[in-house]
Amino acid sequence: MTRKGSPRRDSGQLTTDHFQPHIYRDAMNAFPSPRSWEFVSRILNSGPDPSAEHELFAGAVGAGPATEFSAFMRTFRDLPNIDAILLNPTQEPVPENAAAQYAVASALARCASDTNFDRICLYLNRLPTEFRVLCVRDATLREPAIRCTAGYVRFAVENHNAIA
């Protein structure tokens, strides 16, 4: 006979999930540990079908982190090559997605210098104003010498209403 709340089942076996049910429930859920992210890296290196990636990531790090990482990968894959932009700013594609435009503007700001800013401005002229302003502001804060370039002067004259 067993009392109410006894750790015995009908079969008479002692069950540990009666005492600590969270151990089994949590063990079935993936979570984003450094080891799990290393596994995601291995998944990516194996070249899985992009339509199945999210499920593979979720199995490694859990559904929430997998959703965020999948969204990041979609954006990352749409980004143009920053070196290619610097070499050919008028021909490289401009992403349509605002998140990708933000990423490109930020990357260009990081690599901007007084020697390449004129080329960067050629590309920036193809982006929406808010991303042009973001890039120029970040670039000039990092590298004040950019303010002495012809590209910056043209930008400042053409966008005086956005930077005033």
N, C-alpha and C. Protein backbone atom coordinates (compact mmCIF):
# COMPACT_ATOMS: atom_id res chain seq x y z
N MET A 1 0.83 -1.17 0.00
CA MET A 1 0.00 0.00 0.00
C MET A 1 0.88 1.24 0.00
N THR A 2 0.38 2.26 -0.65
CA THR A 2 1.14 3.51 -0.71
C THR A 2 0.27 4.64 -0.21
N ARG A 3 0.96 5.58 0.40
CA ARG A 3 0.25 6.77 0.85
C ARG A 3 0.07 7.74 -0.30
N LYS A 4 -0.82 8.67 -0.14
CA LYS A 4 -0.99 9.72 -1.13
C LYS A 4 0.32 10.53 -1.20
N GLY A 5 0.84 10.73 -2.44
CA GLY A 5 2.08 11.48 -2.60
C GLY A 5 3.31 10.61 -2.46
N SER A 6 3.14 9.31 -2.35
CA SER A 6 4.28 8.41 -2.23
C SER A 6 5.04 8.37 -3.55
N PRO A 7 6.35 8.16 -3.49
CA PRO A 7 7.14 8.10 -4.71
C PRO A 7 7.05 6.77 -5.44
N ARG A 8 5.98 6.04 -5.28
CA ARG A 8 5.82 4.77 -5.98
C ARG A 8 4.71 4.91 -7.02
N ARG A 9 4.90 4.25 -8.13
CA ARG A 9 3.89 4.21 -9.18
C ARG A 9 3.07 2.94 -8.99
N ASP A 10 2.08 2.79 -9.83
CA ASP A 10 1.25 1.60 -9.74
C ASP A 10 2.07 0.33 -9.88
N SER A 11 3.18 0.42 -10.64
CA SER A 11 4.00 -0.77 -10.83
C SER A 11 4.84 -1.05 -9.60
N GLY A 12 4.87 -0.13 -8.65
CA GLY A 12 5.62 -0.35 -7.44
C GLY A 12 7.07 0.11 -7.52
N GLN A 13 7.47 0.71 -8.63
CA GLN A 13 8.85 1.15 -8.77
C GLN A 13 9.01 2.56 -8.23
N LEU A 14 10.12 2.80 -7.61
CA LEU A 14 10.46 4.12 -7.12
C LEU A 14 10.85 4.99 -8.31
N THR A 15 10.33 6.20 -8.37
CA THR A 15 10.65 7.08 -9.49
C THR A 15 11.28 8.36 -8.97
N THR A 16 12.42 8.73 -9.59
CA THR A 16 13.08 9.95 -9.16
C THR A 16 12.38 11.18 -9.71
N ASP A 17 11.60 11.03 -10.78
CA ASP A 17 10.93 12.21 -11.31
C ASP A 17 9.84 12.70 -10.38
N HIS A 18 9.48 11.91 -9.40
CA HIS A 18 8.52 12.37 -8.40
C HIS A 18 9.18 13.43 -7.51
N PHE A 19 10.46 13.22 -7.17
CA PHE A 19 11.16 14.14 -6.29
C PHE A 19 11.67 15.39 -7.02
N GLN A 20 12.17 15.20 -8.23
CA GLN A 20 12.74 16.31 -8.98
C GLN A 20 12.28 16.25 -10.43
N PRO A 21 11.03 16.55 -10.71
CA PRO A 21 10.54 16.44 -12.09
C PRO A 21 11.20 17.43 -13.04
N HIS A 22 11.71 18.55 -12.52
CA HIS A 22 12.34 19.54 -13.39
C HIS A 22 13.61 19.01 -14.05
N ILE A 23 14.27 18.04 -13.45
CA ILE A 23 15.50 17.51 -14.04
C ILE A 23 15.20 16.91 -15.42
N TYR A 24 14.15 16.15 -15.51
CA TYR A 24 13.83 15.51 -16.78
C TYR A 24 13.21 16.48 -17.77
N ARG A 25 12.40 17.38 -17.27
CA ARG A 25 11.78 18.36 -18.15
C ARG A 25 12.86 19.28 -18.75
N ASP A 26 13.81 19.75 -17.93
CA ASP A 26 14.86 20.64 -18.41
C ASP A 26 15.88 19.92 -19.29
N ALA A 27 16.11 18.65 -19.04
CA ALA A 27 17.08 17.91 -19.84
C ALA A 27 16.61 17.75 -21.27
N MET A 28 15.33 17.84 -21.50
CA MET A 28 14.79 17.69 -22.85
C MET A 28 14.86 18.99 -23.63
N ASN A 29 15.13 20.10 -22.97
CA ASN A 29 15.18 21.41 -23.63
C ASN A 29 16.62 21.80 -23.91
N ALA A 30 16.89 22.19 -25.13
CA ALA A 30 18.22 22.67 -25.47
C ALA A 30 18.38 24.09 -24.95
N PHE A 31 19.61 24.48 -24.66
CA PHE A 31 19.86 25.84 -24.20
C PHE A 31 21.18 26.34 -24.79
N PRO A 32 21.34 27.67 -24.88
CA PRO A 32 22.49 28.24 -25.59
C PRO A 32 23.76 28.32 -24.73
N SER A 33 24.43 27.23 -24.56
CA SER A 33 25.71 27.22 -23.85
C SER A 33 26.83 27.37 -24.88
N PRO A 34 28.05 27.67 -24.44
CA PRO A 34 29.16 27.73 -25.40
C PRO A 34 29.32 26.42 -26.19
N ARG A 35 29.10 25.31 -25.53
CA ARG A 35 29.20 24.02 -26.21
C ARG A 35 28.12 23.88 -27.28
N SER A 36 26.91 24.36 -26.97
CA SER A 36 25.81 24.30 -27.93
C SER A 36 26.09 25.17 -29.14
N TRP A 37 26.67 26.37 -28.92
CA TRP A 37 26.99 27.24 -30.04
C TRP A 37 28.10 26.65 -30.90
N GLU A 38 29.03 25.94 -30.28
CA GLU A 38 30.05 25.24 -31.05
C GLU A 38 29.40 24.19 -31.95
N PHE A 39 28.38 23.54 -31.43
CA PHE A 39 27.66 22.56 -32.24
C PHE A 39 26.95 23.24 -33.41
N VAL A 40 26.38 24.42 -33.17
CA VAL A 40 25.74 25.18 -34.26
C VAL A 40 26.78 25.52 -35.33
N SER A 41 27.97 25.87 -34.90
CA SER A 41 29.05 26.15 -35.85
C SER A 41 29.35 24.92 -36.71
N ARG A 42 29.37 23.78 -36.09
CA ARG A 42 29.61 22.54 -36.85
C ARG A 42 28.46 22.25 -37.82
N ILE A 43 27.25 22.55 -37.38
CA ILE A 43 26.09 22.38 -38.27
C ILE A 43 26.26 23.26 -39.51
N LEU A 44 26.63 24.52 -39.30
CA LEU A 44 26.82 25.44 -40.42
C LEU A 44 27.93 24.96 -41.35
N ASN A 45 29.02 24.49 -40.77
CA ASN A 45 30.14 24.01 -41.59
C ASN A 45 29.80 22.78 -42.42
N SER A 46 28.78 22.04 -41.99
CA SER A 46 28.39 20.84 -42.74
C SER A 46 27.55 21.19 -43.97
N GLY A 47 27.14 22.46 -44.10
CA GLY A 47 26.37 22.89 -45.27
C GLY A 47 24.97 22.32 -45.35
N PRO A 48 24.16 22.48 -44.29
CA PRO A 48 22.80 21.92 -44.34
C PRO A 48 21.91 22.69 -45.30
N ASP A 49 20.81 22.08 -45.66
CA ASP A 49 19.79 22.74 -46.49
C ASP A 49 19.26 23.94 -45.70
N PRO A 50 19.30 25.15 -46.25
CA PRO A 50 18.83 26.33 -45.51
C PRO A 50 17.40 26.21 -44.98
N SER A 51 16.57 25.44 -45.65
CA SER A 51 15.19 25.30 -45.18
C SER A 51 15.11 24.48 -43.90
N ALA A 52 16.15 23.71 -43.58
CA ALA A 52 16.14 22.87 -42.38
C ALA A 52 17.02 23.45 -41.27
N GLU A 53 17.73 24.53 -41.55
CA GLU A 53 18.67 25.07 -40.57
C GLU A 53 18.03 25.43 -39.24
N HIS A 54 16.90 26.13 -39.29
CA HIS A 54 16.29 26.58 -38.04
C HIS A 54 16.01 25.41 -37.11
N GLU A 55 15.49 24.33 -37.63
CA GLU A 55 15.19 23.17 -36.78
C GLU A 55 16.47 22.57 -36.21
N LEU A 56 17.53 22.55 -37.01
CA LEU A 56 18.81 22.03 -36.52
C LEU A 56 19.37 22.94 -35.42
N PHE A 57 19.29 24.25 -35.62
CA PHE A 57 19.76 25.19 -34.61
C PHE A 57 18.95 25.05 -33.32
N ALA A 58 17.62 24.93 -33.47
CA ALA A 58 16.74 24.82 -32.30
C ALA A 58 17.07 23.57 -31.50
N GLY A 59 17.42 22.50 -32.16
CA GLY A 59 17.80 21.29 -31.45
C GLY A 59 19.07 21.46 -30.65
N ALA A 60 19.92 22.40 -31.04
CA ALA A 60 21.18 22.63 -30.35
C ALA A 60 21.08 23.69 -29.26
N VAL A 61 20.41 24.81 -29.55
CA VAL A 61 20.42 25.94 -28.61
C VAL A 61 19.05 26.35 -28.09
N GLY A 62 17.99 25.72 -28.56
CA GLY A 62 16.65 26.09 -28.14
C GLY A 62 15.96 26.95 -29.18
N ALA A 63 14.66 27.03 -29.08
CA ALA A 63 13.85 27.70 -30.11
C ALA A 63 14.10 29.21 -30.18
N GLY A 64 14.14 29.89 -29.05
CA GLY A 64 14.32 31.34 -29.04
C GLY A 64 15.65 31.77 -29.64
N PRO A 65 16.77 31.27 -29.11
CA PRO A 65 18.07 31.64 -29.70
C PRO A 65 18.19 31.20 -31.16
N ALA A 66 17.59 30.08 -31.51
CA ALA A 66 17.66 29.61 -32.90
C ALA A 66 16.92 30.56 -33.83
N THR A 67 15.79 31.09 -33.38
CA THR A 67 15.04 32.04 -34.20
C THR A 67 15.85 33.31 -34.42
N GLU A 68 16.47 33.83 -33.36
CA GLU A 68 17.30 35.03 -33.50
C GLU A 68 18.48 34.77 -34.43
N PHE A 69 19.14 33.63 -34.25
CA PHE A 69 20.31 33.32 -35.07
C PHE A 69 19.92 33.08 -36.52
N SER A 70 18.79 32.44 -36.75
CA SER A 70 18.33 32.22 -38.13
C SER A 70 18.04 33.55 -38.83
N ALA A 71 17.44 34.49 -38.09
CA ALA A 71 17.18 35.82 -38.67
C ALA A 71 18.50 36.52 -38.98
N PHE A 72 19.47 36.41 -38.07
CA PHE A 72 20.78 37.00 -38.32
C PHE A 72 21.41 36.39 -39.58
N MET A 73 21.34 35.08 -39.72
CA MET A 73 21.95 34.42 -40.88
C MET A 73 21.27 34.85 -42.18
N ARG A 74 19.96 35.01 -42.17
CA ARG A 74 19.27 35.49 -43.38
C ARG A 74 19.77 36.87 -43.77
N THR A 75 19.92 37.75 -42.79
CA THR A 75 20.42 39.10 -43.07
C THR A 75 21.87 39.05 -43.52
N PHE A 76 22.69 38.28 -42.82
CA PHE A 76 24.12 38.19 -43.13
C PHE A 76 24.35 37.69 -44.55
N ARG A 77 23.56 36.73 -44.97
CA ARG A 77 23.72 36.16 -46.31
C ARG A 77 23.33 37.16 -47.41
N ASP A 78 22.53 38.14 -47.07
CA ASP A 78 22.11 39.14 -48.06
C ASP A 78 23.06 40.33 -48.15
N LEU A 79 24.05 40.39 -47.27
CA LEU A 79 24.95 41.54 -47.25
C LEU A 79 25.93 41.51 -48.41
N PRO A 80 26.16 42.66 -49.03
CA PRO A 80 27.20 42.71 -50.05
C PRO A 80 28.57 42.69 -49.37
N ASN A 81 29.59 42.36 -50.12
CA ASN A 81 30.95 42.32 -49.61
C ASN A 81 31.45 43.75 -49.45
N ILE A 82 31.93 44.10 -48.28
CA ILE A 82 32.36 45.47 -47.99
C ILE A 82 33.58 45.84 -48.84
N ASP A 83 34.52 44.93 -49.01
CA ASP A 83 35.68 45.21 -49.86
C ASP A 83 35.26 45.47 -51.30
N ALA A 84 34.27 44.74 -51.77
CA ALA A 84 33.77 44.94 -53.13
C ALA A 84 33.10 46.31 -53.26
N ILE A 85 32.43 46.75 -52.20
CA ILE A 85 31.82 48.09 -52.21
C ILE A 85 32.90 49.15 -52.35
N LEU A 86 33.99 48.98 -51.61
CA LEU A 86 35.07 49.97 -51.67
C LEU A 86 35.75 49.98 -53.04
N LEU A 87 35.82 48.83 -53.69
CA LEU A 87 36.45 48.76 -55.02
C LEU A 87 35.53 49.27 -56.12
N ASN A 88 34.23 49.04 -55.97
CA ASN A 88 33.29 49.39 -57.03
C ASN A 88 31.98 49.89 -56.42
N PRO A 89 31.99 51.08 -55.82
CA PRO A 89 30.83 51.55 -55.06
C PRO A 89 29.57 51.82 -55.88
N THR A 90 29.72 52.06 -57.16
CA THR A 90 28.52 52.37 -57.96
C THR A 90 27.86 51.13 -58.54
N GLN A 91 28.55 49.99 -58.50
CA GLN A 91 28.01 48.77 -59.10
C GLN A 91 27.56 47.72 -58.08
N GLU A 92 28.09 47.77 -56.88
CA GLU A 92 27.72 46.76 -55.88
C GLU A 92 26.26 46.95 -55.48
N PRO A 93 25.55 45.84 -55.26
CA PRO A 93 24.12 45.95 -54.92
C PRO A 93 23.89 46.58 -53.56
N VAL A 94 22.76 47.25 -53.44
CA VAL A 94 22.31 47.82 -52.17
C VAL A 94 21.22 46.91 -51.64
N PRO A 95 21.36 46.42 -50.42
CA PRO A 95 20.31 45.55 -49.89
C PRO A 95 18.99 46.29 -49.76
N GLU A 96 17.90 45.57 -49.93
CA GLU A 96 16.57 46.17 -49.79
C GLU A 96 16.10 46.16 -48.35
N ASN A 97 16.58 45.22 -47.57
CA ASN A 97 16.19 45.03 -46.19
C ASN A 97 16.85 46.12 -45.32
N ALA A 98 16.07 46.78 -44.47
CA ALA A 98 16.59 47.85 -43.61
C ALA A 98 17.66 47.34 -42.65
N ALA A 99 17.50 46.13 -42.14
CA ALA A 99 18.51 45.58 -41.23
C ALA A 99 19.84 45.41 -41.95
N ALA A 100 19.80 44.96 -43.19
CA ALA A 100 21.02 44.80 -43.97
C ALA A 100 21.62 46.15 -44.32
N GLN A 101 20.78 47.14 -44.62
CA GLN A 101 21.27 48.48 -44.90
C GLN A 101 21.98 49.06 -43.67
N TYR A 102 21.41 48.83 -42.51
CA TYR A 102 22.03 49.28 -41.26
C TYR A 102 23.39 48.60 -41.07
N ALA A 103 23.45 47.30 -41.31
CA ALA A 103 24.70 46.56 -41.15
C ALA A 103 25.77 47.07 -42.12
N VAL A 104 25.40 47.34 -43.36
CA VAL A 104 26.35 47.84 -44.35
C VAL A 104 26.83 49.24 -43.95
N ALA A 105 25.92 50.11 -43.55
CA ALA A 105 26.30 51.46 -43.14
C ALA A 105 27.26 51.42 -41.96
N SER A 106 27.00 50.55 -41.00
CA SER A 106 27.88 50.41 -39.84
C SER A 106 29.25 49.87 -40.23
N ALA A 107 29.27 48.88 -41.11
CA ALA A 107 30.54 48.31 -41.55
C ALA A 107 31.36 49.34 -42.33
N LEU A 108 30.71 50.12 -43.18
CA LEU A 108 31.42 51.15 -43.93
C LEU A 108 31.96 52.22 -42.99
N ALA A 109 31.22 52.56 -41.96
CA ALA A 109 31.71 53.54 -40.98
C ALA A 109 32.96 53.04 -40.27
N ARG A 110 32.99 51.75 -39.97
CA ARG A 110 34.16 51.17 -39.29
C ARG A 110 35.40 51.18 -40.17
N CYS A 111 35.24 51.02 -41.48
CA CYS A 111 36.43 50.95 -42.34
C CYS A 111 36.72 52.26 -43.05
N ALA A 112 35.94 53.29 -42.77
CA ALA A 112 36.12 54.57 -43.45
C ALA A 112 37.42 55.25 -43.01
N SER A 113 38.06 55.86 -43.98
CA SER A 113 39.27 56.66 -43.71
C SER A 113 39.27 57.85 -44.65
N ASP A 114 40.21 58.75 -44.45
CA ASP A 114 40.26 59.91 -45.33
C ASP A 114 40.67 59.53 -46.75
N THR A 115 41.24 58.34 -46.93
CA THR A 115 41.64 57.92 -48.28
C THR A 115 40.54 57.20 -49.05
N ASN A 116 39.55 56.64 -48.36
CA ASN A 116 38.50 55.90 -49.07
C ASN A 116 37.10 56.51 -48.92
N PHE A 117 36.99 57.63 -48.21
CA PHE A 117 35.67 58.16 -47.91
C PHE A 117 34.92 58.65 -49.14
N ASP A 118 35.64 59.15 -50.13
CA ASP A 118 34.96 59.59 -51.36
C ASP A 118 34.24 58.43 -52.03
N ARG A 119 34.88 57.25 -52.05
CA ARG A 119 34.23 56.06 -52.62
C ARG A 119 33.07 55.59 -51.76
N ILE A 120 33.23 55.68 -50.46
CA ILE A 120 32.14 55.30 -49.56
C ILE A 120 30.93 56.19 -49.81
N CYS A 121 31.16 57.46 -50.02
CA CYS A 121 30.05 58.39 -50.28
C CYS A 121 29.30 58.05 -51.56
N LEU A 122 30.02 57.54 -52.57
CA LEU A 122 29.33 57.13 -53.80
C LEU A 122 28.32 56.02 -53.50
N TYR A 123 28.70 55.09 -52.64
CA TYR A 123 27.77 54.02 -52.26
C TYR A 123 26.67 54.55 -51.35
N LEU A 124 27.04 55.39 -50.39
CA LEU A 124 26.06 55.93 -49.44
C LEU A 124 24.94 56.70 -50.14
N ASN A 125 25.26 57.34 -51.25
CA ASN A 125 24.24 58.10 -51.97
C ASN A 125 23.11 57.22 -52.46
N ARG A 126 23.31 55.92 -52.47
CA ARG A 126 22.28 54.98 -52.91
C ARG A 126 21.47 54.43 -51.74
N LEU A 127 21.84 54.77 -50.53
CA LEU A 127 21.12 54.32 -49.32
C LEU A 127 20.13 55.39 -48.87
N PRO A 128 19.13 54.99 -48.07
CA PRO A 128 18.22 55.99 -47.49
C PRO A 128 19.00 56.97 -46.60
N THR A 129 18.47 58.16 -46.47
CA THR A 129 19.16 59.24 -45.74
C THR A 129 19.57 58.84 -44.33
N GLU A 130 18.69 58.17 -43.60
CA GLU A 130 19.01 57.83 -42.21
C GLU A 130 20.26 56.95 -42.10
N PHE A 131 20.49 56.08 -43.07
CA PHE A 131 21.67 55.23 -43.02
C PHE A 131 22.92 55.98 -43.49
N ARG A 132 22.74 56.94 -44.40
CA ARG A 132 23.87 57.80 -44.80
C ARG A 132 24.34 58.61 -43.60
N VAL A 133 23.39 59.22 -42.90
CA VAL A 133 23.74 60.04 -41.73
C VAL A 133 24.40 59.18 -40.66
N LEU A 134 23.86 58.01 -40.41
CA LEU A 134 24.44 57.10 -39.41
C LEU A 134 25.89 56.79 -39.75
N CYS A 135 26.15 56.42 -40.98
CA CYS A 135 27.49 56.05 -41.40
C CYS A 135 28.46 57.22 -41.27
N VAL A 136 28.06 58.38 -41.76
CA VAL A 136 28.95 59.55 -41.73
C VAL A 136 29.22 59.97 -40.29
N ARG A 137 28.19 59.99 -39.47
CA ARG A 137 28.37 60.38 -38.06
C ARG A 137 29.34 59.44 -37.37
N ASP A 138 29.11 58.12 -37.50
CA ASP A 138 29.99 57.14 -36.86
C ASP A 138 31.42 57.22 -37.40
N ALA A 139 31.55 57.38 -38.71
CA ALA A 139 32.87 57.43 -39.32
C ALA A 139 33.64 58.67 -38.86
N THR A 140 32.98 59.82 -38.81
CA THR A 140 33.68 61.05 -38.43
C THR A 140 33.99 61.09 -36.93
N LEU A 141 33.19 60.44 -36.13
CA LEU A 141 33.53 60.34 -34.70
C LEU A 141 34.77 59.47 -34.50
N ARG A 142 34.87 58.43 -35.28
CA ARG A 142 36.01 57.52 -35.17
C ARG A 142 37.26 58.09 -35.83
N GLU A 143 37.09 58.78 -36.95
CA GLU A 143 38.21 59.28 -37.76
C GLU A 143 37.91 60.73 -38.17
N PRO A 144 38.24 61.71 -37.31
CA PRO A 144 37.91 63.11 -37.60
C PRO A 144 38.49 63.65 -38.91
N ALA A 145 39.57 63.08 -39.40
CA ALA A 145 40.19 63.56 -40.65
C ALA A 145 39.25 63.41 -41.84
N ILE A 146 38.23 62.59 -41.72
CA ILE A 146 37.26 62.40 -42.80
C ILE A 146 36.55 63.72 -43.13
N ARG A 147 36.42 64.59 -42.13
CA ARG A 147 35.73 65.88 -42.34
C ARG A 147 36.45 66.78 -43.33
N CYS A 148 37.68 66.44 -43.67
CA CYS A 148 38.46 67.25 -44.63
C CYS A 148 38.42 66.69 -46.04
N THR A 149 37.62 65.68 -46.28
CA THR A 149 37.57 65.08 -47.62
C THR A 149 36.50 65.75 -48.46
N ALA A 150 36.68 65.65 -49.77
CA ALA A 150 35.69 66.21 -50.69
C ALA A 150 34.35 65.48 -50.54
N GLY A 151 34.39 64.18 -50.29
CA GLY A 151 33.16 63.41 -50.11
C GLY A 151 32.36 63.90 -48.92
N TYR A 152 33.03 64.19 -47.82
CA TYR A 152 32.32 64.69 -46.64
C TYR A 152 31.72 66.07 -46.91
N VAL A 153 32.47 66.95 -47.54
CA VAL A 153 31.97 68.30 -47.82
C VAL A 153 30.72 68.21 -48.69
N ARG A 154 30.78 67.39 -49.74
CA ARG A 154 29.58 67.20 -50.60
C ARG A 154 28.42 66.66 -49.79
N PHE A 155 28.69 65.65 -48.94
CA PHE A 155 27.64 65.07 -48.11
C PHE A 155 27.03 66.14 -47.21
N ALA A 156 27.87 66.94 -46.56
CA ALA A 156 27.38 67.95 -45.62
C ALA A 156 26.52 69.00 -46.33
N VAL A 157 26.91 69.40 -47.53
CA VAL A 157 26.13 70.39 -48.28
C VAL A 157 24.79 69.78 -48.71
N GLU A 158 24.82 68.56 -49.25
CA GLU A 158 23.60 67.92 -49.75
C GLU A 158 22.65 67.51 -48.64
N ASN A 159 23.17 67.25 -47.46
CA ASN A 159 22.35 66.73 -46.35
C ASN A 159 22.33 67.68 -45.17
N HIS A 160 22.52 68.96 -45.41
CA HIS A 160 22.59 69.93 -44.30
C HIS A 160 21.33 69.89 -43.42
N ASN A 161 20.19 69.61 -44.03
CA ASN A 161 18.95 69.56 -43.25
C ASN A 161 18.89 68.32 -42.35
N ALA A 162 19.59 67.26 -42.72
CA ALA A 162 19.55 66.03 -41.91
C ALA A 162 20.59 66.05 -40.80
N ILE A 163 21.64 66.84 -40.95
CA ILE A 163 22.70 66.83 -39.94
C ILE A 163 22.71 68.08 -39.07
N ALA A 164 21.83 69.03 -39.36
CA ALA A 164 21.81 70.28 -38.58
C ALA A 164 21.09 70.09 -37.26
